[in-house]
Amino acid sequence: MASDVNEISINYEEEGVLLVKELDREILSKGAWTTILFRYQNWNKTKGEYNKEMFTIRRYQKVKGEYMPKSKFNISSAEQAKKIVSALQGWIED
């Protein structure tokens, strides 16, 4: 696990293959509880290529100097992400 928020990654490799490829991240909050929005792709073994981009929001808690994953919400498509953004913008603007 990571001891610094900037070291947290969702890259995941097995047998030399990067199965989850982190493309970008946005740190939404820092501290004892940290929230990070990631943009990523999963490796499709059948096709031999990465699937479409997806997004995930992950929460980490710092315990004994190390960030531990506590919860996550996966946004499965750009369309779903747009709906979330639209809803949030509507609420914030009211």
N, C-alpha and C. Protein backbone atom coordinates (compact mmCIF):
# COMPACT_ATOMS: atom_id res chain seq x y z
N MET A 1 0.83 -1.19 0.00
CA MET A 1 0.00 0.00 0.00
C MET A 1 0.87 1.25 0.00
N ALA A 2 0.24 2.36 -0.29
CA ALA A 2 0.95 3.63 -0.42
C ALA A 2 0.92 4.41 0.90
N SER A 3 2.00 5.12 1.14
CA SER A 3 2.05 5.98 2.33
C SER A 3 1.82 7.44 1.95
N ASP A 4 1.87 7.75 0.66
CA ASP A 4 1.63 9.10 0.15
C ASP A 4 0.49 9.03 -0.85
N VAL A 5 -0.41 10.00 -0.81
CA VAL A 5 -1.58 9.99 -1.68
C VAL A 5 -1.19 9.94 -3.16
N ASN A 6 -0.07 10.53 -3.51
CA ASN A 6 0.38 10.55 -4.91
C ASN A 6 0.89 9.20 -5.39
N GLU A 7 1.11 8.26 -4.48
CA GLU A 7 1.57 6.92 -4.83
C GLU A 7 0.42 5.96 -5.10
N ILE A 8 -0.80 6.35 -4.75
CA ILE A 8 -1.95 5.48 -4.93
C ILE A 8 -2.24 5.31 -6.42
N SER A 9 -2.41 4.06 -6.83
CA SER A 9 -2.68 3.75 -8.24
C SER A 9 -3.63 2.57 -8.31
N ILE A 10 -4.39 2.50 -9.39
CA ILE A 10 -5.24 1.33 -9.61
C ILE A 10 -4.66 0.42 -10.69
N ASN A 11 -3.45 0.73 -11.18
CA ASN A 11 -2.80 -0.19 -12.11
C ASN A 11 -2.74 -1.57 -11.47
N TYR A 12 -3.06 -2.60 -12.25
CA TYR A 12 -3.03 -3.96 -11.74
C TYR A 12 -2.45 -4.88 -12.80
N GLU A 13 -1.41 -5.60 -12.42
CA GLU A 13 -0.69 -6.46 -13.35
C GLU A 13 -0.68 -7.90 -12.85
N GLU A 14 -0.84 -8.83 -13.79
CA GLU A 14 -0.72 -10.26 -13.51
C GLU A 14 0.08 -10.89 -14.62
N GLU A 15 1.06 -11.68 -14.25
CA GLU A 15 1.88 -12.42 -15.21
C GLU A 15 2.41 -11.51 -16.32
N GLY A 16 2.83 -10.31 -15.94
CA GLY A 16 3.43 -9.39 -16.90
C GLY A 16 2.44 -8.65 -17.78
N VAL A 17 1.13 -8.83 -17.55
CA VAL A 17 0.11 -8.15 -18.35
C VAL A 17 -0.60 -7.13 -17.46
N LEU A 18 -0.64 -5.89 -17.94
CA LEU A 18 -1.32 -4.83 -17.20
C LEU A 18 -2.83 -4.98 -17.45
N LEU A 19 -3.54 -5.57 -16.48
CA LEU A 19 -4.96 -5.86 -16.63
C LEU A 19 -5.84 -4.63 -16.39
N VAL A 20 -5.42 -3.76 -15.49
CA VAL A 20 -6.11 -2.49 -15.26
C VAL A 20 -5.07 -1.39 -15.49
N LYS A 21 -5.35 -0.56 -16.49
CA LYS A 21 -4.41 0.50 -16.86
C LYS A 21 -4.99 1.85 -16.47
N GLU A 22 -4.37 2.49 -15.50
CA GLU A 22 -4.79 3.82 -15.07
C GLU A 22 -4.36 4.83 -16.14
N LEU A 23 -5.32 5.63 -16.60
CA LEU A 23 -5.04 6.63 -17.63
C LEU A 23 -4.86 8.03 -17.04
N ASP A 24 -5.61 8.31 -15.99
CA ASP A 24 -5.55 9.63 -15.37
C ASP A 24 -6.19 9.55 -13.99
N ARG A 25 -6.01 10.58 -13.21
CA ARG A 25 -6.59 10.64 -11.88
C ARG A 25 -6.80 12.08 -11.48
N GLU A 26 -7.75 12.27 -10.59
CA GLU A 26 -8.01 13.58 -10.00
C GLU A 26 -8.22 13.35 -8.51
N ILE A 27 -7.35 13.93 -7.70
CA ILE A 27 -7.48 13.80 -6.26
C ILE A 27 -8.56 14.79 -5.81
N LEU A 28 -9.66 14.27 -5.29
CA LEU A 28 -10.80 15.10 -4.90
C LEU A 28 -10.68 15.60 -3.47
N SER A 29 -10.05 14.82 -2.60
CA SER A 29 -9.80 15.26 -1.23
C SER A 29 -8.60 14.50 -0.68
N LYS A 30 -7.88 15.19 0.22
CA LYS A 30 -6.71 14.59 0.86
C LYS A 30 -6.91 14.61 2.36
N GLY A 31 -6.16 13.77 3.04
CA GLY A 31 -6.21 13.75 4.50
C GLY A 31 -6.30 12.32 4.99
N ALA A 32 -6.83 12.16 6.19
CA ALA A 32 -6.98 10.82 6.76
C ALA A 32 -7.90 9.98 5.89
N TRP A 33 -8.89 10.64 5.28
CA TRP A 33 -9.76 10.02 4.28
C TRP A 33 -9.50 10.73 2.96
N THR A 34 -9.11 9.98 1.95
CA THR A 34 -8.78 10.52 0.64
C THR A 34 -9.73 9.96 -0.40
N THR A 35 -10.16 10.83 -1.31
CA THR A 35 -11.05 10.42 -2.40
C THR A 35 -10.37 10.74 -3.72
N ILE A 36 -10.33 9.74 -4.62
CA ILE A 36 -9.67 9.91 -5.91
C ILE A 36 -10.59 9.42 -7.02
N LEU A 37 -10.70 10.21 -8.08
CA LEU A 37 -11.42 9.84 -9.28
C LEU A 37 -10.39 9.35 -10.29
N PHE A 38 -10.56 8.11 -10.78
CA PHE A 38 -9.63 7.53 -11.75
C PHE A 38 -10.31 7.33 -13.10
N ARG A 39 -9.56 7.51 -14.17
CA ARG A 39 -9.96 7.11 -15.52
C ARG A 39 -9.07 5.93 -15.87
N TYR A 40 -9.67 4.83 -16.36
CA TYR A 40 -8.89 3.61 -16.59
C TYR A 40 -9.48 2.76 -17.70
N GLN A 41 -8.74 1.72 -18.07
CA GLN A 41 -9.20 0.72 -19.03
C GLN A 41 -8.84 -0.66 -18.51
N ASN A 42 -9.71 -1.64 -18.80
CA ASN A 42 -9.44 -3.04 -18.48
C ASN A 42 -8.94 -3.75 -19.73
N TRP A 43 -8.02 -4.69 -19.53
CA TRP A 43 -7.49 -5.51 -20.61
C TRP A 43 -8.50 -6.59 -20.98
N ASN A 44 -8.80 -6.69 -22.27
CA ASN A 44 -9.70 -7.72 -22.78
C ASN A 44 -8.83 -8.85 -23.31
N LYS A 45 -8.75 -9.95 -22.58
CA LYS A 45 -7.87 -11.07 -22.97
C LYS A 45 -8.29 -11.67 -24.30
N THR A 46 -9.60 -11.75 -24.53
CA THR A 46 -10.10 -12.35 -25.77
C THR A 46 -9.70 -11.55 -27.00
N LYS A 47 -9.88 -10.24 -26.93
CA LYS A 47 -9.56 -9.38 -28.08
C LYS A 47 -8.09 -8.99 -28.14
N GLY A 48 -7.39 -9.12 -27.02
CA GLY A 48 -5.99 -8.71 -26.99
C GLY A 48 -5.81 -7.20 -27.05
N GLU A 49 -6.78 -6.49 -26.47
CA GLU A 49 -6.71 -5.02 -26.46
C GLU A 49 -7.48 -4.50 -25.25
N TYR A 50 -7.31 -3.21 -24.99
CA TYR A 50 -8.01 -2.60 -23.87
C TYR A 50 -9.44 -2.25 -24.27
N ASN A 51 -10.35 -2.40 -23.31
CA ASN A 51 -11.75 -2.02 -23.51
C ASN A 51 -11.87 -0.50 -23.46
N LYS A 52 -13.10 -0.02 -23.63
CA LYS A 52 -13.37 1.41 -23.58
C LYS A 52 -13.00 1.98 -22.21
N GLU A 53 -12.83 3.28 -22.17
CA GLU A 53 -12.49 3.96 -20.93
C GLU A 53 -13.64 3.85 -19.93
N MET A 54 -13.26 3.70 -18.67
CA MET A 54 -14.23 3.68 -17.59
C MET A 54 -13.69 4.59 -16.48
N PHE A 55 -14.50 4.78 -15.46
CA PHE A 55 -14.15 5.69 -14.38
C PHE A 55 -14.52 5.05 -13.05
N THR A 56 -13.77 5.40 -12.02
CA THR A 56 -14.07 4.90 -10.69
C THR A 56 -13.72 5.96 -9.66
N ILE A 57 -14.54 6.05 -8.64
CA ILE A 57 -14.27 6.92 -7.50
C ILE A 57 -13.91 6.00 -6.34
N ARG A 58 -12.75 6.24 -5.76
CA ARG A 58 -12.28 5.37 -4.67
C ARG A 58 -11.97 6.19 -3.43
N ARG A 59 -12.30 5.60 -2.28
CA ARG A 59 -12.02 6.21 -0.98
C ARG A 59 -10.98 5.38 -0.26
N TYR A 60 -10.03 6.07 0.34
CA TYR A 60 -8.95 5.43 1.08
C TYR A 60 -8.87 6.05 2.46
N GLN A 61 -8.54 5.23 3.45
CA GLN A 61 -8.33 5.71 4.81
C GLN A 61 -6.88 5.46 5.18
N LYS A 62 -6.25 6.46 5.76
CA LYS A 62 -4.86 6.30 6.19
C LYS A 62 -4.85 5.66 7.57
N VAL A 63 -4.29 4.46 7.63
CA VAL A 63 -4.20 3.70 8.87
C VAL A 63 -2.74 3.33 9.10
N LYS A 64 -2.21 3.73 10.24
CA LYS A 64 -0.80 3.44 10.59
C LYS A 64 0.14 3.85 9.45
N GLY A 65 -0.12 5.02 8.86
CA GLY A 65 0.76 5.58 7.84
C GLY A 65 0.57 5.04 6.43
N GLU A 66 -0.38 4.15 6.23
CA GLU A 66 -0.62 3.56 4.91
C GLU A 66 -2.07 3.78 4.49
N TYR A 67 -2.28 4.12 3.21
CA TYR A 67 -3.64 4.28 2.69
C TYR A 67 -4.24 2.92 2.36
N MET A 68 -5.38 2.66 2.95
CA MET A 68 -6.09 1.39 2.75
C MET A 68 -7.39 1.66 1.98
N PRO A 69 -7.67 0.86 0.95
CA PRO A 69 -8.94 1.06 0.22
C PRO A 69 -10.13 0.73 1.12
N LYS A 70 -11.15 1.59 1.06
CA LYS A 70 -12.32 1.39 1.91
C LYS A 70 -13.60 1.25 1.09
N SER A 71 -13.73 1.97 -0.01
CA SER A 71 -14.94 1.85 -0.83
C SER A 71 -14.64 2.32 -2.24
N LYS A 72 -15.53 1.90 -3.17
CA LYS A 72 -15.37 2.33 -4.55
C LYS A 72 -16.73 2.35 -5.24
N PHE A 73 -16.81 3.20 -6.24
CA PHE A 73 -17.99 3.27 -7.10
C PHE A 73 -17.48 3.31 -8.53
N ASN A 74 -17.87 2.32 -9.34
CA ASN A 74 -17.44 2.27 -10.72
C ASN A 74 -18.49 2.91 -11.62
N ILE A 75 -18.02 3.80 -12.48
CA ILE A 75 -18.86 4.44 -13.50
C ILE A 75 -18.55 3.71 -14.78
N SER A 76 -19.52 2.99 -15.30
CA SER A 76 -19.26 2.00 -16.35
C SER A 76 -19.17 2.55 -17.76
N SER A 77 -19.55 3.81 -17.97
CA SER A 77 -19.51 4.33 -19.34
C SER A 77 -19.43 5.85 -19.32
N ALA A 78 -19.04 6.40 -20.46
CA ALA A 78 -19.01 7.86 -20.60
C ALA A 78 -20.42 8.42 -20.47
N GLU A 79 -21.41 7.69 -20.98
CA GLU A 79 -22.79 8.13 -20.89
C GLU A 79 -23.24 8.26 -19.43
N GLN A 80 -22.92 7.27 -18.61
CA GLN A 80 -23.27 7.34 -17.20
C GLN A 80 -22.54 8.50 -16.53
N ALA A 81 -21.27 8.73 -16.89
CA ALA A 81 -20.49 9.83 -16.33
C ALA A 81 -21.14 11.17 -16.67
N LYS A 82 -21.60 11.32 -17.91
CA LYS A 82 -22.26 12.56 -18.33
C LYS A 82 -23.54 12.80 -17.52
N LYS A 83 -24.28 11.75 -17.24
CA LYS A 83 -25.51 11.89 -16.44
C LYS A 83 -25.18 12.33 -15.01
N ILE A 84 -24.13 11.79 -14.44
CA ILE A 84 -23.70 12.17 -13.10
C ILE A 84 -23.29 13.64 -13.08
N VAL A 85 -22.49 14.05 -14.07
CA VAL A 85 -22.04 15.44 -14.16
C VAL A 85 -23.24 16.37 -14.31
N SER A 86 -24.18 16.01 -15.17
CA SER A 86 -25.36 16.82 -15.40
C SER A 86 -26.18 16.99 -14.11
N ALA A 87 -26.39 15.89 -13.40
CA ALA A 87 -27.15 15.95 -12.16
C ALA A 87 -26.44 16.85 -11.14
N LEU A 88 -25.14 16.68 -10.99
CA LEU A 88 -24.39 17.49 -10.03
C LEU A 88 -24.43 18.97 -10.40
N GLN A 89 -24.27 19.27 -11.69
CA GLN A 89 -24.33 20.67 -12.12
C GLN A 89 -25.69 21.28 -11.81
N GLY A 90 -26.75 20.51 -12.04
CA GLY A 90 -28.08 20.99 -11.73
C GLY A 90 -28.26 21.29 -10.26
N TRP A 91 -27.77 20.42 -9.42
CA TRP A 91 -27.90 20.62 -7.98
C TRP A 91 -27.08 21.80 -7.49
N ILE A 92 -25.88 21.93 -8.02
CA ILE A 92 -24.99 23.01 -7.57
C ILE A 92 -25.49 24.36 -8.00
N GLU A 93 -26.06 24.44 -9.20
CA GLU A 93 -26.52 25.72 -9.74
C GLU A 93 -27.81 26.19 -9.10
N ASP A 94 -28.54 25.31 -8.46
CA ASP A 94 -29.82 25.70 -7.82
C ASP A 94 -29.60 26.49 -6.56
